[in-house]
Amino acid sequence: MLSYINGALSRSALASGVLQEIRKDIILRNYPPETKLTERVLCLKYSISKTPARQILQQLENEGFVTMLDNGCKKTVEFTENDLDCLYSLRNLLEITAVKMVFEKKLKSYSNMLESFIRLESLSKASREAYFEYDVDFHHSIIEMSGNKYILHAYENIAPILYTMFQISYGIYAEDFFEDDVETHNRLMRSIICESEETCLAEFEKHHASAARNAKAALRKAVAEKK
């Protein structure tokens, strides 16, 4: 797992997996809103020690999935369609701003973007779970090209949630999704290298809008199944 997707938990595969699972369960409402979560609950349920349990709760609080109660316990916060809209609006803002900055640069290095795309293409036929990880990384490489560390830091803060939403959305994708998605990312890459800024920005806007629609459809489906 890419380190920036799990932050302080990246050195522990078990803790990273637990964090992903809990985040996904909160979004899907397997943990209903206002469910109390404590270090002890996490230790017992997921067979982890106190330190990673504390780190997981802190990370979830940083991401807005849990909030602190007066007694020091934490409770889950409902993830709404408005939250989803805000997430994808921020993603679009960050990436569009980064792409504009890339076009302003006289000297550009495409190596990281090309490497990310090659991994993405190969994983589309091998590991579907890892595919989403490198989908996030492909866009990370584009923002990295801007040279703006603050935009990159902001993207890394939302990358874990985007990764989880990609996993959730997988259930509504058609069988040919991965081939089509690789071609979409190929167009994004070519638009940066070969097309005008206007054409490139239009491609990214289109891609982000499609991803947001898929994520919203997946969230609605999950919520409906809970009723």
Foldseek 3Di string as FASTA:
>chain_A
DDCLLQPPCVVPPLLSVLLLVVLLCLLLCVPPFFRWDDLVVCCVPSVDDSVSSVVSVVLCVLLVQWDADPVGIITGHHCDLVNLVVLLVLVLVLLLVLLVLLVVDPDFDCVQLVVLLVVLVVCLPPPPLVNLVSVLVNSLVSSVRSVDVVSSVVSSSSSNVSSSLVVLLVVVDDPCVSVVVSVLSVVLSCCSVPNDSVVNSVSSVVVSVVSSVSSVVSSVVSVVVVD
